Amino acid sequence: MNKTELVWYVGYGSNMLNERFMCYINGGQFRHNGRPHNRCADTTPPLAKMIYEIPYNMYYGNRSSGWNGMGVSFLDITRPGKAYGVAYLVTKSQFERPVIS
């Protein structure tokens, strides 16, 4: 595979959990969130993953029906700070999410 066909996807909050992230790739529902996801046409697991420091603060706000009315995490990109995430090395097609219903 050509490295121009790969991208790093950085997830924060609940997307740091491998189990949740893999719902985006394989389809299905995360056990703590009932929203179903279609699977990607390419279900290859990430080729690598690593901890990633995001240069912005994370905060919770609003309410989400998918999280039983609890808050959703956001990054405040207007001010420097620090949040942690996980970077997943995936294919461009997975990032662009061509899906199979």
N, C-alpha and C. Protein backbone atom coordinates (compact mmCIF):
# COMPACT_ATOMS: atom_id res chain seq x y z
N MET A 1 0.84 -1.18 0.00
CA MET A 1 0.00 0.00 0.00
C MET A 1 0.89 1.25 0.00
N ASN A 2 0.54 2.19 -0.81
CA ASN A 2 1.23 3.45 -0.94
C ASN A 2 0.90 4.34 0.26
N LYS A 3 1.88 5.00 0.85
CA LYS A 3 1.58 5.81 2.04
C LYS A 3 0.72 7.02 1.74
N THR A 4 0.55 7.40 0.49
CA THR A 4 -0.38 8.48 0.17
C THR A 4 -1.83 8.00 0.28
N GLU A 5 -2.03 6.69 0.41
CA GLU A 5 -3.37 6.14 0.59
C GLU A 5 -3.75 6.02 2.06
N LEU A 6 -2.87 6.49 2.97
CA LEU A 6 -3.11 6.37 4.40
C LEU A 6 -3.27 7.74 5.04
N VAL A 7 -4.07 7.80 6.09
CA VAL A 7 -4.25 9.04 6.85
C VAL A 7 -4.30 8.69 8.34
N TRP A 8 -3.93 9.65 9.16
CA TRP A 8 -4.07 9.52 10.60
C TRP A 8 -5.39 10.17 11.01
N TYR A 9 -6.24 9.41 11.67
CA TYR A 9 -7.49 9.92 12.23
C TYR A 9 -7.28 10.05 13.73
N VAL A 10 -7.49 11.24 14.28
CA VAL A 10 -7.31 11.45 15.73
C VAL A 10 -8.68 11.53 16.38
N GLY A 11 -8.92 10.63 17.31
CA GLY A 11 -10.16 10.63 18.07
C GLY A 11 -9.89 11.09 19.49
N TYR A 12 -10.86 11.76 20.09
CA TYR A 12 -10.76 12.17 21.48
C TYR A 12 -12.08 11.82 22.15
N GLY A 13 -12.15 11.98 23.46
CA GLY A 13 -13.36 11.61 24.18
C GLY A 13 -13.62 10.12 24.01
N SER A 14 -14.87 9.75 23.74
CA SER A 14 -15.22 8.33 23.64
C SER A 14 -14.60 7.66 22.41
N ASN A 15 -14.18 8.43 21.41
CA ASN A 15 -13.55 7.83 20.23
C ASN A 15 -12.13 7.36 20.50
N MET A 16 -11.64 7.57 21.72
CA MET A 16 -10.34 7.01 22.09
C MET A 16 -10.46 5.51 22.35
N LEU A 17 -11.66 5.05 22.64
CA LEU A 17 -11.87 3.63 22.92
C LEU A 17 -11.84 2.83 21.62
N ASN A 18 -10.96 1.86 21.55
CA ASN A 18 -10.83 1.05 20.34
C ASN A 18 -12.17 0.41 19.97
N GLU A 19 -12.91 -0.09 20.96
CA GLU A 19 -14.20 -0.73 20.71
C GLU A 19 -15.16 0.23 19.99
N ARG A 20 -15.20 1.46 20.43
CA ARG A 20 -16.09 2.44 19.79
C ARG A 20 -15.59 2.79 18.40
N PHE A 21 -14.29 3.04 18.26
CA PHE A 21 -13.74 3.39 16.95
C PHE A 21 -14.01 2.28 15.93
N MET A 22 -13.88 1.03 16.36
CA MET A 22 -14.08 -0.08 15.43
C MET A 22 -15.52 -0.20 14.95
N CYS A 23 -16.48 0.41 15.67
CA CYS A 23 -17.87 0.45 15.17
C CYS A 23 -17.95 1.28 13.90
N TYR A 24 -17.07 2.28 13.75
CA TYR A 24 -17.03 3.07 12.52
C TYR A 24 -16.50 2.23 11.35
N ILE A 25 -15.58 1.32 11.64
CA ILE A 25 -14.97 0.48 10.60
C ILE A 25 -15.87 -0.73 10.30
N ASN A 26 -16.24 -1.48 11.33
CA ASN A 26 -16.97 -2.75 11.16
C ASN A 26 -18.48 -2.60 11.17
N GLY A 27 -18.97 -1.44 11.54
CA GLY A 27 -20.41 -1.28 11.68
C GLY A 27 -20.88 -1.79 13.04
N GLY A 28 -22.13 -1.55 13.33
CA GLY A 28 -22.69 -2.02 14.58
C GLY A 28 -22.89 -0.89 15.57
N GLN A 29 -23.19 -1.27 16.79
CA GLN A 29 -23.50 -0.31 17.83
C GLN A 29 -22.52 -0.43 18.98
N PHE A 30 -22.07 0.70 19.49
CA PHE A 30 -21.24 0.73 20.68
C PHE A 30 -22.15 0.43 21.87
N ARG A 31 -21.67 -0.34 22.82
CA ARG A 31 -22.51 -0.82 23.92
C ARG A 31 -23.06 0.30 24.79
N HIS A 32 -22.44 1.47 24.81
CA HIS A 32 -22.92 2.58 25.63
C HIS A 32 -23.68 3.63 24.83
N ASN A 33 -23.87 3.39 23.54
CA ASN A 33 -24.54 4.35 22.68
C ASN A 33 -25.30 3.55 21.63
N GLY A 34 -26.60 3.69 21.59
CA GLY A 34 -27.43 2.86 20.72
C GLY A 34 -27.45 3.23 19.25
N ARG A 35 -26.72 4.25 18.85
CA ARG A 35 -26.74 4.68 17.45
C ARG A 35 -25.99 3.69 16.56
N PRO A 36 -26.65 3.09 15.57
CA PRO A 36 -25.97 2.12 14.71
C PRO A 36 -25.11 2.81 13.64
N HIS A 37 -24.05 2.15 13.26
CA HIS A 37 -23.16 2.64 12.20
C HIS A 37 -23.09 1.58 11.11
N ASN A 38 -23.09 2.03 9.85
CA ASN A 38 -22.85 1.12 8.74
C ASN A 38 -21.36 0.81 8.69
N ARG A 39 -21.03 -0.34 8.16
CA ARG A 39 -19.61 -0.69 8.07
C ARG A 39 -18.98 -0.06 6.84
N CYS A 40 -17.67 0.15 6.92
CA CYS A 40 -16.91 0.64 5.78
C CYS A 40 -16.79 -0.47 4.74
N ALA A 41 -16.61 -0.09 3.50
CA ALA A 41 -16.35 -1.07 2.46
C ALA A 41 -15.04 -1.80 2.76
N ASP A 42 -14.07 -1.09 3.34
CA ASP A 42 -12.78 -1.66 3.74
C ASP A 42 -12.79 -1.82 5.26
N THR A 43 -12.88 -3.04 5.75
CA THR A 43 -12.96 -3.29 7.20
C THR A 43 -11.61 -3.68 7.81
N THR A 44 -10.53 -3.37 7.10
CA THR A 44 -9.20 -3.62 7.64
C THR A 44 -9.00 -2.83 8.94
N PRO A 45 -8.52 -3.48 10.01
CA PRO A 45 -8.27 -2.71 11.24
C PRO A 45 -7.20 -1.64 11.00
N PRO A 46 -7.15 -0.61 11.85
CA PRO A 46 -6.09 0.40 11.70
C PRO A 46 -4.71 -0.28 11.66
N LEU A 47 -3.85 0.26 10.82
CA LEU A 47 -2.51 -0.30 10.67
C LEU A 47 -1.61 0.03 11.85
N ALA A 48 -1.95 1.10 12.57
CA ALA A 48 -1.18 1.50 13.76
C ALA A 48 -2.07 2.41 14.59
N LYS A 49 -1.71 2.57 15.84
CA LYS A 49 -2.37 3.56 16.68
C LYS A 49 -1.38 4.05 17.71
N MET A 50 -1.57 5.29 18.14
CA MET A 50 -0.66 5.86 19.13
C MET A 50 -1.39 6.95 19.91
N ILE A 51 -0.92 7.21 21.11
CA ILE A 51 -1.45 8.29 21.92
C ILE A 51 -1.03 9.59 21.26
N TYR A 52 -1.92 10.57 21.29
CA TYR A 52 -1.66 11.84 20.62
C TYR A 52 -2.09 12.98 21.53
N GLU A 53 -1.23 13.96 21.70
CA GLU A 53 -1.56 15.13 22.51
C GLU A 53 -2.12 16.21 21.58
N ILE A 54 -3.35 16.63 21.87
CA ILE A 54 -4.03 17.65 21.07
C ILE A 54 -3.79 19.01 21.72
N PRO A 55 -3.40 20.04 20.97
CA PRO A 55 -3.02 21.32 21.59
C PRO A 55 -4.20 22.23 21.95
N TYR A 56 -5.34 21.65 22.29
CA TYR A 56 -6.53 22.41 22.67
C TYR A 56 -7.21 21.73 23.86
N ASN A 57 -7.96 22.51 24.64
CA ASN A 57 -8.71 21.94 25.75
C ASN A 57 -9.97 21.25 25.23
N MET A 58 -10.37 20.20 25.94
CA MET A 58 -11.62 19.51 25.66
C MET A 58 -12.62 19.91 26.73
N TYR A 59 -13.87 20.06 26.34
CA TYR A 59 -14.92 20.38 27.30
C TYR A 59 -16.20 19.65 26.90
N TYR A 60 -17.14 19.56 27.83
CA TYR A 60 -18.42 18.92 27.58
C TYR A 60 -19.52 19.97 27.53
N GLY A 61 -20.46 19.79 26.63
CA GLY A 61 -21.56 20.73 26.52
C GLY A 61 -22.72 20.11 25.78
N ASN A 62 -23.81 20.87 25.71
CA ASN A 62 -25.03 20.43 25.02
C ASN A 62 -25.56 19.13 25.62
N ARG A 63 -26.50 18.54 24.95
CA ARG A 63 -27.05 17.25 25.35
C ARG A 63 -27.24 16.41 24.10
N SER A 64 -27.00 15.13 24.23
CA SER A 64 -27.13 14.24 23.09
C SER A 64 -28.08 13.10 23.42
N SER A 65 -29.07 12.89 22.56
CA SER A 65 -29.99 11.76 22.77
C SER A 65 -29.23 10.44 22.66
N GLY A 66 -28.18 10.41 21.85
CA GLY A 66 -27.37 9.20 21.72
C GLY A 66 -26.59 8.86 22.97
N TRP A 67 -26.42 9.82 23.86
CA TRP A 67 -25.70 9.60 25.12
C TRP A 67 -26.66 9.80 26.31
N ASN A 68 -27.92 9.41 26.11
CA ASN A 68 -28.93 9.50 27.18
C ASN A 68 -29.04 10.90 27.75
N GLY A 69 -29.00 11.91 26.90
CA GLY A 69 -29.17 13.29 27.33
C GLY A 69 -27.94 13.90 27.99
N MET A 70 -26.83 13.17 28.02
CA MET A 70 -25.61 13.71 28.63
C MET A 70 -24.84 14.55 27.62
N GLY A 71 -23.79 15.24 28.10
CA GLY A 71 -23.01 16.13 27.28
C GLY A 71 -22.15 15.43 26.25
N VAL A 72 -21.73 16.20 25.29
CA VAL A 72 -20.87 15.74 24.21
C VAL A 72 -19.54 16.46 24.35
N SER A 73 -18.43 15.80 24.01
CA SER A 73 -17.14 16.46 24.13
C SER A 73 -16.82 17.27 22.86
N PHE A 74 -16.18 18.41 23.10
CA PHE A 74 -15.77 19.32 22.03
C PHE A 74 -14.34 19.77 22.31
N LEU A 75 -13.66 20.22 21.26
CA LEU A 75 -12.35 20.86 21.42
C LEU A 75 -12.54 22.36 21.27
N ASP A 76 -11.93 23.13 22.16
CA ASP A 76 -11.95 24.59 22.06
C ASP A 76 -10.71 25.02 21.27
N ILE A 77 -10.88 25.20 19.96
CA ILE A 77 -9.73 25.52 19.11
C ILE A 77 -9.40 27.00 19.11
N THR A 78 -10.09 27.79 19.96
CA THR A 78 -9.80 29.22 20.03
C THR A 78 -8.71 29.53 21.05
N ARG A 79 -8.38 28.56 21.90
CA ARG A 79 -7.36 28.77 22.93
C ARG A 79 -6.44 27.57 23.02
N PRO A 80 -5.15 27.82 23.22
CA PRO A 80 -4.24 26.69 23.42
C PRO A 80 -4.58 25.97 24.72
N GLY A 81 -4.28 24.71 24.77
CA GLY A 81 -4.51 23.90 25.96
C GLY A 81 -3.94 22.51 25.74
N LYS A 82 -4.55 21.53 26.38
CA LYS A 82 -4.07 20.16 26.21
C LYS A 82 -5.22 19.19 26.42
N ALA A 83 -5.38 18.29 25.47
CA ALA A 83 -6.31 17.18 25.58
C ALA A 83 -5.58 15.96 25.01
N TYR A 84 -6.02 14.80 25.39
CA TYR A 84 -5.39 13.59 24.88
C TYR A 84 -6.32 12.88 23.91
N GLY A 85 -5.73 12.26 22.96
CA GLY A 85 -6.48 11.50 21.97
C GLY A 85 -5.71 10.27 21.56
N VAL A 86 -6.28 9.54 20.65
CA VAL A 86 -5.62 8.38 20.05
C VAL A 86 -5.64 8.59 18.54
N ALA A 87 -4.50 8.42 17.91
CA ALA A 87 -4.39 8.54 16.45
C ALA A 87 -4.41 7.12 15.86
N TYR A 88 -5.29 6.92 14.90
CA TYR A 88 -5.42 5.63 14.21
C TYR A 88 -4.96 5.81 12.76
N LEU A 89 -4.11 4.94 12.28
CA LEU A 89 -3.66 4.98 10.89
C LEU A 89 -4.61 4.12 10.06
N VAL A 90 -5.39 4.79 9.21
CA VAL A 90 -6.41 4.11 8.41
C VAL A 90 -6.23 4.48 6.94
N THR A 91 -6.95 3.78 6.08
CA THR A 91 -6.89 4.10 4.66
C THR A 91 -7.75 5.34 4.36
N LYS A 92 -7.43 6.01 3.28
CA LYS A 92 -8.24 7.17 2.87
C LYS A 92 -9.69 6.77 2.65
N SER A 93 -9.91 5.58 2.09
CA SER A 93 -11.30 5.16 1.84
C SER A 93 -12.05 4.97 3.16
N GLN A 94 -11.38 4.49 4.20
CA GLN A 94 -12.04 4.38 5.50
C GLN A 94 -12.33 5.77 6.08
N PHE A 95 -11.39 6.69 5.94
CA PHE A 95 -11.59 8.04 6.44
C PHE A 95 -12.74 8.72 5.71
N GLU A 96 -12.82 8.52 4.41
CA GLU A 96 -13.89 9.12 3.63
C GLU A 96 -15.21 8.36 3.81
N ARG A 97 -15.15 7.18 4.41
CA ARG A 97 -16.26 6.33 4.84
C ARG A 97 -17.21 5.86 3.75
N PRO A 98 -16.72 5.35 2.64
CA PRO A 98 -17.68 4.65 1.77
C PRO A 98 -18.24 3.49 2.59
N VAL A 99 -19.53 3.41 2.71
CA VAL A 99 -20.13 2.44 3.63
C VAL A 99 -21.01 1.44 2.90
N ILE A 100 -21.22 0.33 3.57
CA ILE A 100 -22.14 -0.70 3.10
C ILE A 100 -23.28 -0.74 4.11
N SER A 101 -24.49 -0.63 3.63
CA SER A 101 -25.66 -0.64 4.53
C SER A 101 -25.95 -2.04 5.01
